[in-house]
């Protein structure tokens, strides 16, 4: 039965097989649409609009992509009719749990051989953030990431890249190599002059203790920039 048949209908008038909660219990969460999953957190609709419709309109407000809903401020969700503070908080918490799950999955120890691997590993942590963050991946001799750590949280336009802090952490981890990662909320991964200057400072600081800076990967939602690919870092991956 087509989903559009239920537009505007109160959920209590739906068949049990089509109500989101009952459908999940009977068929499993994987059989629900994104809008139906959101409807479980929304609970009930507003006059003329059921909870699934509210969920669908919320998705439509960010282009229909669930990934673009992650990182939206609570106030932005509350702009949608039918979503008050409690519902917005519940949805935000659920999306954050999903983001953290994906981040944990990406954190499994693996040997890194390309900036694309770094991009895939770090995107779940950095996608949709309204501010910049600087992270470091610490690697052993086999290029296996043994630890990753958030170093600093900055503003929408910049974050601190502290060469002394990075060196200290690298020595504590007995790392043989380091990969820097930070995000650009602007959507463009191209580095600024400050990014290039600070990267070279980190490279020199690590080199003093025979630790390699393999790469510095700048991540934006649509892609990444690798200092190694562009030969800004002289030796690495």
Protein backbone atom coordinates (compact mmCIF):
# COMPACT_ATOMS: atom_id res chain seq x y z
CA UNK A 1 0.00 0.00 0.00
CA UNK A 2 1.47 3.37 -0.99
CA UNK A 3 2.69 5.67 1.73
CA UNK A 4 0.99 8.73 0.20
CA UNK A 5 -2.43 7.24 1.01
CA UNK A 6 -1.80 8.10 4.68
CA UNK A 7 -0.88 11.77 4.17
CA UNK A 8 -2.78 13.87 6.70
CA UNK A 9 -4.49 10.87 8.30
CA UNK A 10 -4.20 10.47 12.05
CA UNK A 11 -1.90 7.58 12.86
CA UNK A 12 -4.55 5.92 15.04
CA UNK A 13 -6.58 5.47 11.85
CA UNK A 14 -3.76 3.56 10.12
CA UNK A 15 -3.68 -0.21 10.05
CA UNK A 16 -1.45 -1.69 12.76
CA UNK A 17 1.01 -2.92 10.14
CA UNK A 18 1.65 0.64 8.97
CA UNK A 19 2.01 2.47 12.31
CA UNK A 20 5.75 3.11 12.82
CA UNK A 21 6.05 1.60 16.31
CA UNK A 22 4.03 -1.49 15.51
CA UNK A 23 5.72 -1.85 12.13
CA UNK A 24 9.14 -1.80 13.79
CA UNK A 25 8.10 -4.40 16.38
CA UNK A 26 6.66 -6.67 13.71
CA UNK A 27 9.21 -6.21 10.90
CA UNK A 28 12.30 -4.66 12.48
CA UNK A 29 13.73 -1.13 12.37
CA UNK A 30 15.40 -1.77 9.02
CA UNK A 31 12.01 -1.87 7.31
CA UNK A 32 11.06 1.68 8.32
CA UNK A 33 11.76 4.74 6.21
CA UNK A 34 13.78 7.63 7.63
CA UNK A 35 10.57 9.61 8.09
CA UNK A 36 8.94 6.71 9.96
CA UNK A 37 11.95 6.38 12.28
CA UNK A 38 11.81 10.11 13.00
CA UNK A 39 8.09 9.78 13.66
CA UNK A 40 8.81 7.45 16.59
CA UNK A 41 10.72 10.29 18.28
CA UNK A 42 8.18 12.90 17.24
CA UNK A 43 5.35 10.84 18.76
CA UNK A 44 2.31 12.68 17.44
CA UNK A 45 1.59 15.19 14.74
CA UNK A 46 -0.38 18.40 14.63
CA UNK A 47 -3.88 19.03 13.25
CA UNK A 48 -3.91 17.94 9.62
CA UNK A 49 -0.37 16.50 9.76
CA UNK A 50 0.62 13.16 11.28
CA UNK A 51 4.00 12.38 12.84
CA UNK A 52 5.37 10.69 9.70
CA UNK A 53 4.48 13.75 7.63
CA UNK A 54 6.23 15.96 10.20
CA UNK A 55 9.29 13.74 9.92
CA UNK A 56 9.19 13.88 6.12
CA UNK A 57 8.91 17.66 6.14
CA UNK A 58 11.83 17.87 8.53
CA UNK A 59 13.92 15.79 6.13
CA UNK A 60 12.77 17.89 3.18
CA UNK A 61 13.95 21.03 4.98
CA UNK A 62 17.54 19.76 4.68
CA UNK A 63 17.24 18.42 1.13
CA UNK A 64 15.96 14.98 2.05
CA UNK A 65 19.30 13.66 3.29
CA UNK A 66 19.47 12.24 6.81
CA UNK A 67 23.21 12.96 6.88
CA UNK A 68 22.47 16.67 6.47
CA UNK A 69 20.20 16.56 9.50
CA UNK A 70 23.15 15.54 11.70
CA UNK A 71 24.72 18.57 13.36
CA UNK A 72 21.67 20.80 12.93
CA UNK A 73 21.14 22.91 16.07
CA UNK A 74 18.10 22.15 18.21
CA UNK A 75 16.67 25.59 17.41
CA UNK A 76 16.75 24.81 13.69
CA UNK A 77 14.75 21.61 14.20
CA UNK A 78 12.20 23.54 16.26
CA UNK A 79 11.46 25.76 13.26
CA UNK A 80 9.54 22.83 11.80
CA UNK A 81 5.86 22.87 12.77
CA UNK A 82 5.12 19.99 15.12
CA UNK A 83 8.60 19.79 16.65
CA UNK A 84 8.98 21.39 20.05
CA UNK A 85 12.02 21.49 22.28
CA UNK A 86 11.60 18.01 23.79
CA UNK A 87 11.16 16.38 20.39
CA UNK A 88 14.05 18.33 18.88
CA UNK A 89 16.31 17.26 21.75
CA UNK A 90 15.29 13.61 21.34
CA UNK A 91 15.97 13.67 17.59
CA UNK A 92 19.31 15.41 18.09
CA UNK A 93 20.34 12.83 20.70
CA UNK A 94 19.39 9.93 18.41
CA UNK A 95 21.35 11.40 15.50
CA UNK A 96 24.37 12.01 17.72
CA UNK A 97 24.28 8.39 18.92
CA UNK A 98 24.26 7.28 15.29
CA UNK A 99 27.19 9.56 14.50
CA UNK A 100 29.18 8.21 17.45
CA UNK A 101 28.43 4.64 16.43
CA UNK A 102 29.79 5.30 12.95
CA UNK A 103 32.84 6.97 14.49
CA UNK A 104 33.48 3.91 16.67
CA UNK A 105 33.18 1.62 13.66
CA UNK A 106 35.70 3.75 11.77
CA UNK A 107 38.11 3.64 14.71
CA UNK A 108 38.98 -0.04 14.27
CA UNK A 109 42.75 -0.35 14.01
CA UNK A 110 43.82 -0.43 10.40
CA UNK A 111 46.90 0.20 8.34
CA UNK A 112 46.56 3.54 6.60
CA UNK A 113 47.95 3.93 3.09
CA UNK A 114 45.99 6.77 1.54
CA UNK A 115 44.33 10.09 2.42
CA UNK A 116 41.03 8.61 1.24
CA UNK A 117 41.23 6.11 4.11
CA UNK A 118 41.79 8.99 6.52
CA UNK A 119 38.82 10.83 5.01
CA UNK A 120 36.53 7.80 5.47
CA UNK A 121 37.80 7.25 9.00
CA UNK A 122 37.30 10.81 10.19
CA UNK A 123 34.26 12.01 8.26
CA UNK A 124 31.76 10.52 10.77
CA UNK A 125 33.40 12.59 13.51
CA UNK A 126 33.72 15.86 11.61
CA UNK A 127 30.79 16.01 9.18
CA UNK A 128 28.26 18.71 9.98
CA UNK A 129 30.18 20.36 12.80
CA UNK A 130 29.59 24.15 13.02
CA UNK A 131 33.18 24.71 14.21
CA UNK A 132 36.68 23.52 13.33
CA UNK A 133 38.40 20.72 15.23
CA UNK A 134 42.00 19.51 15.01
CA UNK A 135 42.68 15.78 15.42
CA UNK A 136 45.80 13.65 15.28
CA UNK A 137 46.18 10.02 14.27
CA UNK A 138 49.17 8.28 15.85
CA UNK A 139 50.69 5.38 13.92
CA UNK A 140 53.23 2.64 14.59
CA UNK A 141 55.94 1.39 12.23
CA UNK A 142 53.40 -0.57 10.19
CA UNK A 143 51.30 2.57 9.62
CA UNK A 144 48.57 1.16 11.86
CA UNK A 145 46.57 3.81 13.70
CA UNK A 146 47.06 2.99 17.38
CA UNK A 147 45.23 6.04 18.71
CA UNK A 148 43.36 9.08 17.48
CA UNK A 149 42.82 12.12 19.60
CA UNK A 150 41.00 15.44 19.38
CA UNK A 151 43.54 18.13 20.14
CA UNK A 152 41.63 21.39 19.91
CA UNK A 153 38.18 22.84 19.23
CA UNK A 154 38.08 26.17 17.44
CA UNK A 155 35.64 28.54 15.79
CA UNK A 156 33.77 28.39 12.51
CA UNK A 157 36.85 29.83 10.74
CA UNK A 158 39.90 28.47 12.55
CA UNK A 159 41.35 26.13 15.14
CA UNK A 160 44.69 26.01 16.89
CA UNK A 161 47.34 23.62 15.56
CA UNK A 162 49.84 23.44 18.42
CA UNK A 163 53.10 21.77 17.34
CA UNK A 164 54.34 21.37 20.94
CA UNK A 165 51.12 19.68 22.03
CA UNK A 166 51.19 17.33 19.03
CA UNK A 167 54.83 16.41 19.68
CA UNK A 168 54.09 15.73 23.35
CA UNK A 169 51.22 13.40 22.49
CA UNK A 170 53.27 11.64 19.82
CA UNK A 171 56.07 10.95 22.31
CA UNK A 172 53.59 9.73 24.93
CA UNK A 173 52.09 7.33 22.38
CA UNK A 174 55.56 6.25 21.18
CA UNK A 175 54.29 6.98 17.69
CA UNK A 176 56.50 6.57 14.66
CA UNK A 177 54.27 8.75 12.49
CA UNK A 178 51.43 11.26 12.78
CA UNK A 179 48.60 12.32 10.50
CA UNK A 180 46.87 15.61 11.23
CA UNK A 181 43.21 16.08 10.41
CA UNK A 182 40.98 19.10 10.70
CA UNK A 183 37.68 20.17 9.20
CA UNK A 184 36.41 23.22 7.34
CA UNK A 185 32.73 23.96 8.09
CA UNK A 186 32.71 26.32 5.10
CA UNK A 187 32.47 23.32 2.77
CA UNK A 188 35.78 23.98 0.99
CA UNK A 189 38.71 21.75 1.98
CA UNK A 190 41.36 24.05 0.52
CA UNK A 191 43.85 25.09 3.24
CA UNK A 192 44.64 28.68 4.11
CA UNK A 193 48.10 30.17 4.56
CA UNK A 194 47.89 29.60 8.32
CA UNK A 195 47.12 25.90 7.74
CA UNK A 196 50.20 25.53 5.54
CA UNK A 197 52.44 27.46 7.91
CA UNK A 198 51.36 25.52 11.01
CA UNK A 199 51.66 22.19 9.20
CA UNK A 200 55.29 22.88 8.37
CA UNK A 201 55.96 23.83 12.00
CA UNK A 202 54.50 20.51 13.15
CA UNK A 203 56.56 18.65 10.58
CA UNK A 204 59.77 20.25 11.80
CA UNK A 205 58.94 19.63 15.47
CA UNK A 206 58.26 15.94 14.84
CA UNK A 207 61.32 15.53 12.64
CA UNK A 208 63.54 16.54 15.57
CA UNK A 209 62.53 13.25 17.26
CA UNK A 210 62.57 11.20 14.05
CA UNK A 211 58.77 11.08 13.85
CA UNK A 212 57.19 11.46 10.42
CA UNK A 213 54.30 13.74 9.63
CA UNK A 214 52.73 11.52 7.00
CA UNK A 215 49.96 13.88 5.98
CA UNK A 216 47.58 16.62 6.97
CA UNK A 217 44.08 15.99 5.66
CA UNK A 218 41.55 18.84 5.60
CA UNK A 219 37.98 17.55 5.49
CA UNK A 220 34.88 19.30 4.24
CA UNK A 221 31.50 17.62 3.80
CA UNK A 222 32.00 17.21 0.07
CA UNK A 223 35.60 16.01 0.01
CA UNK A 224 39.12 16.46 1.35
CA UNK A 225 42.49 18.07 0.68
CA UNK A 226 45.67 16.07 1.29
CA UNK A 227 48.87 18.00 1.93
CA UNK A 228 50.81 14.91 0.85
CA UNK A 229 48.95 14.66 -2.46
CA UNK A 230 49.78 18.30 -3.13
CA UNK A 231 53.39 17.79 -1.97
CA UNK A 232 53.09 20.37 0.79
CA UNK A 233 54.43 17.74 3.15
CA UNK A 234 57.72 16.61 1.61
CA UNK A 235 57.75 13.02 2.77
CA UNK A 236 54.93 10.72 3.74
CA UNK A 237 52.27 8.41 2.35
